[in-house]
Amino acid sequence: MEESYQIGDRVEVYLDEKFGNKEGWYAGTVFKIDPYSGHRNFYWVRFDTEAQVKSGMPQISVFNLKNIRKIK
């Protein structure tokens, strides 16, 4: 079953090899959801302060669900 995300959810986002030495999981919070189709969304994640420093980005949009997971 596909994971469901809501605004305010604590998540980790995976930056893959195309991000070079920044590859890895980064913590943040879902702050916006943009519908793409009836079954797919763009999830906007604002990175935590530490993740912003390490990634060099304040936020990111995630479409591929294999690159996002809830923090338990």
N, C-alpha and C. Protein backbone atom coordinates (compact mmCIF):
# COMPACT_ATOMS: atom_id res chain seq x y z
N MET A 1 0.84 -1.19 0.00
CA MET A 1 0.00 0.00 0.00
C MET A 1 0.88 1.25 0.00
N GLU A 2 0.48 2.23 -0.76
CA GLU A 2 1.23 3.46 -0.89
C GLU A 2 1.05 4.34 0.35
N GLU A 3 2.15 4.91 0.85
CA GLU A 3 2.12 5.79 2.01
C GLU A 3 1.36 7.07 1.66
N SER A 4 0.62 7.59 2.63
CA SER A 4 -0.12 8.83 2.46
C SER A 4 0.56 9.92 3.30
N TYR A 5 0.72 11.10 2.73
CA TYR A 5 1.37 12.21 3.42
C TYR A 5 0.41 13.39 3.52
N GLN A 6 0.51 14.10 4.63
CA GLN A 6 -0.33 15.27 4.88
C GLN A 6 0.56 16.45 5.27
N ILE A 7 0.04 17.66 5.11
CA ILE A 7 0.76 18.84 5.56
C ILE A 7 1.02 18.70 7.05
N GLY A 8 2.25 18.98 7.44
CA GLY A 8 2.65 18.86 8.84
C GLY A 8 3.36 17.56 9.18
N ASP A 9 3.32 16.57 8.27
CA ASP A 9 4.00 15.30 8.53
C ASP A 9 5.51 15.50 8.57
N ARG A 10 6.14 14.83 9.52
CA ARG A 10 7.60 14.81 9.60
C ARG A 10 8.08 13.69 8.68
N VAL A 11 9.01 14.03 7.79
CA VAL A 11 9.48 13.08 6.79
C VAL A 11 10.99 13.20 6.61
N GLU A 12 11.53 12.22 5.90
CA GLU A 12 12.90 12.29 5.40
C GLU A 12 12.82 12.19 3.88
N VAL A 13 13.68 12.95 3.21
CA VAL A 13 13.74 12.97 1.76
C VAL A 13 15.11 12.46 1.34
N TYR A 14 15.12 11.58 0.34
CA TYR A 14 16.38 11.03 -0.16
C TYR A 14 16.85 11.82 -1.36
N LEU A 15 18.06 12.37 -1.25
CA LEU A 15 18.72 13.02 -2.38
C LEU A 15 19.65 11.98 -2.98
N ASP A 16 19.45 11.63 -4.25
CA ASP A 16 20.23 10.55 -4.86
C ASP A 16 21.57 11.03 -5.41
N GLU A 17 22.23 10.16 -6.16
CA GLU A 17 23.59 10.42 -6.64
C GLU A 17 23.70 11.66 -7.52
N LYS A 18 22.61 12.11 -8.12
CA LYS A 18 22.71 13.32 -8.96
C LYS A 18 22.99 14.57 -8.11
N PHE A 19 22.86 14.45 -6.78
CA PHE A 19 23.18 15.55 -5.88
C PHE A 19 24.64 15.48 -5.39
N GLY A 20 25.41 14.57 -5.98
CA GLY A 20 26.84 14.45 -5.66
C GLY A 20 27.08 14.08 -4.22
N ASN A 21 27.97 14.84 -3.58
CA ASN A 21 28.36 14.53 -2.19
C ASN A 21 27.25 14.83 -1.18
N LYS A 22 26.11 15.31 -1.65
CA LYS A 22 24.97 15.59 -0.76
C LYS A 22 24.00 14.41 -0.71
N GLU A 23 24.35 13.29 -1.35
CA GLU A 23 23.48 12.12 -1.37
C GLU A 23 23.19 11.65 0.06
N GLY A 24 21.92 11.32 0.31
CA GLY A 24 21.53 10.81 1.62
C GLY A 24 20.12 11.25 1.99
N TRP A 25 19.71 10.88 3.22
CA TRP A 25 18.39 11.21 3.74
C TRP A 25 18.45 12.49 4.56
N TYR A 26 17.44 13.37 4.36
CA TYR A 26 17.38 14.67 5.04
C TYR A 26 15.99 14.86 5.65
N ALA A 27 15.97 15.31 6.89
CA ALA A 27 14.71 15.48 7.63
C ALA A 27 14.06 16.82 7.33
N GLY A 28 12.72 16.81 7.37
CA GLY A 28 11.97 18.03 7.16
C GLY A 28 10.49 17.81 7.43
N THR A 29 9.69 18.79 7.01
CA THR A 29 8.25 18.78 7.26
C THR A 29 7.51 19.10 5.96
N VAL A 30 6.48 18.31 5.65
CA VAL A 30 5.65 18.60 4.48
C VAL A 30 4.88 19.89 4.76
N PHE A 31 5.00 20.89 3.86
CA PHE A 31 4.30 22.16 4.08
C PHE A 31 3.32 22.51 2.96
N LYS A 32 3.35 21.74 1.86
CA LYS A 32 2.45 22.02 0.75
C LYS A 32 2.32 20.75 -0.09
N ILE A 33 1.13 20.53 -0.65
CA ILE A 33 0.90 19.40 -1.54
C ILE A 33 0.24 19.93 -2.80
N ASP A 34 0.90 19.72 -3.93
CA ASP A 34 0.36 20.13 -5.23
C ASP A 34 -0.10 18.90 -5.99
N PRO A 35 -1.39 18.81 -6.31
CA PRO A 35 -1.88 17.67 -7.09
C PRO A 35 -1.27 17.65 -8.48
N TYR A 36 -0.91 16.46 -8.93
CA TYR A 36 -0.40 16.28 -10.29
C TYR A 36 -1.44 15.57 -11.14
N SER A 37 -2.03 14.53 -10.56
CA SER A 37 -3.09 13.79 -11.23
C SER A 37 -4.02 13.24 -10.14
N GLY A 38 -4.96 12.42 -10.51
CA GLY A 38 -5.88 11.86 -9.54
C GLY A 38 -5.22 11.00 -8.49
N HIS A 39 -4.02 10.49 -8.79
CA HIS A 39 -3.35 9.57 -7.87
C HIS A 39 -1.94 9.99 -7.48
N ARG A 40 -1.44 11.08 -8.03
CA ARG A 40 -0.06 11.49 -7.76
C ARG A 40 -0.03 12.95 -7.32
N ASN A 41 0.94 13.27 -6.47
CA ASN A 41 1.11 14.63 -5.95
C ASN A 41 2.58 15.00 -5.91
N PHE A 42 2.82 16.30 -5.89
CA PHE A 42 4.13 16.83 -5.53
C PHE A 42 4.06 17.18 -4.05
N TYR A 43 5.00 16.67 -3.27
CA TYR A 43 5.06 16.98 -1.84
C TYR A 43 6.20 17.96 -1.60
N TRP A 44 5.86 19.14 -1.10
CA TRP A 44 6.85 20.15 -0.79
C TRP A 44 7.31 19.98 0.65
N VAL A 45 8.62 19.84 0.83
CA VAL A 45 9.20 19.60 2.15
C VAL A 45 10.16 20.73 2.49
N ARG A 46 9.94 21.34 3.65
CA ARG A 46 10.88 22.34 4.17
C ARG A 46 11.86 21.60 5.07
N PHE A 47 13.13 21.64 4.70
CA PHE A 47 14.15 20.94 5.46
C PHE A 47 14.36 21.58 6.83
N ASP A 48 14.72 20.73 7.81
CA ASP A 48 15.15 21.22 9.12
C ASP A 48 16.42 22.03 8.93
N THR A 49 16.77 22.85 9.91
CA THR A 49 17.94 23.73 9.80
C THR A 49 19.20 22.96 9.46
N GLU A 50 19.45 21.86 10.15
CA GLU A 50 20.65 21.07 9.88
C GLU A 50 20.65 20.53 8.45
N ALA A 51 19.51 20.07 7.99
CA ALA A 51 19.39 19.54 6.63
C ALA A 51 19.58 20.65 5.60
N GLN A 52 19.10 21.87 5.91
CA GLN A 52 19.29 23.00 4.99
C GLN A 52 20.77 23.30 4.82
N VAL A 53 21.51 23.26 5.91
CA VAL A 53 22.95 23.54 5.85
C VAL A 53 23.66 22.45 5.04
N LYS A 54 23.36 21.18 5.32
CA LYS A 54 24.03 20.07 4.65
C LYS A 54 23.66 19.98 3.17
N SER A 55 22.39 20.22 2.83
CA SER A 55 21.95 20.08 1.44
C SER A 55 22.16 21.34 0.62
N GLY A 56 22.23 22.49 1.30
CA GLY A 56 22.34 23.76 0.60
C GLY A 56 21.01 24.25 0.04
N MET A 57 19.90 23.64 0.49
CA MET A 57 18.57 24.01 0.00
C MET A 57 17.61 24.17 1.18
N PRO A 58 16.73 25.16 1.14
CA PRO A 58 15.76 25.31 2.22
C PRO A 58 14.57 24.36 2.08
N GLN A 59 14.26 23.97 0.85
CA GLN A 59 13.08 23.12 0.61
C GLN A 59 13.26 22.38 -0.70
N ILE A 60 12.38 21.39 -0.90
CA ILE A 60 12.43 20.60 -2.13
C ILE A 60 11.03 20.05 -2.42
N SER A 61 10.76 19.82 -3.68
CA SER A 61 9.52 19.18 -4.12
C SER A 61 9.84 17.72 -4.44
N VAL A 62 9.03 16.80 -3.90
CA VAL A 62 9.26 15.37 -4.11
C VAL A 62 8.07 14.79 -4.87
N PHE A 63 8.34 14.12 -5.97
CA PHE A 63 7.29 13.47 -6.77
C PHE A 63 7.39 11.95 -6.64
N ASN A 64 8.61 11.43 -6.66
CA ASN A 64 8.84 9.99 -6.62
C ASN A 64 8.75 9.52 -5.16
N LEU A 65 7.75 8.70 -4.87
CA LEU A 65 7.50 8.28 -3.49
C LEU A 65 8.60 7.39 -2.91
N LYS A 66 9.49 6.86 -3.75
CA LYS A 66 10.59 6.08 -3.19
C LYS A 66 11.63 7.00 -2.52
N ASN A 67 11.51 8.30 -2.74
CA ASN A 67 12.46 9.26 -2.18
C ASN A 67 11.93 10.01 -0.96
N ILE A 68 10.84 9.52 -0.38
CA ILE A 68 10.28 10.17 0.80
C ILE A 68 9.75 9.09 1.74
N ARG A 69 9.96 9.31 3.04
CA ARG A 69 9.44 8.37 4.05
C ARG A 69 9.11 9.14 5.32
N LYS A 70 8.08 8.66 6.02
CA LYS A 70 7.70 9.29 7.28
C LYS A 70 8.72 8.98 8.36
N ILE A 71 8.93 9.93 9.23
CA ILE A 71 9.76 9.72 10.41
C ILE A 71 8.86 9.15 11.48
N LYS A 72 9.22 7.99 11.98
CA LYS A 72 8.39 7.31 13.00
C LYS A 72 8.69 7.84 14.38
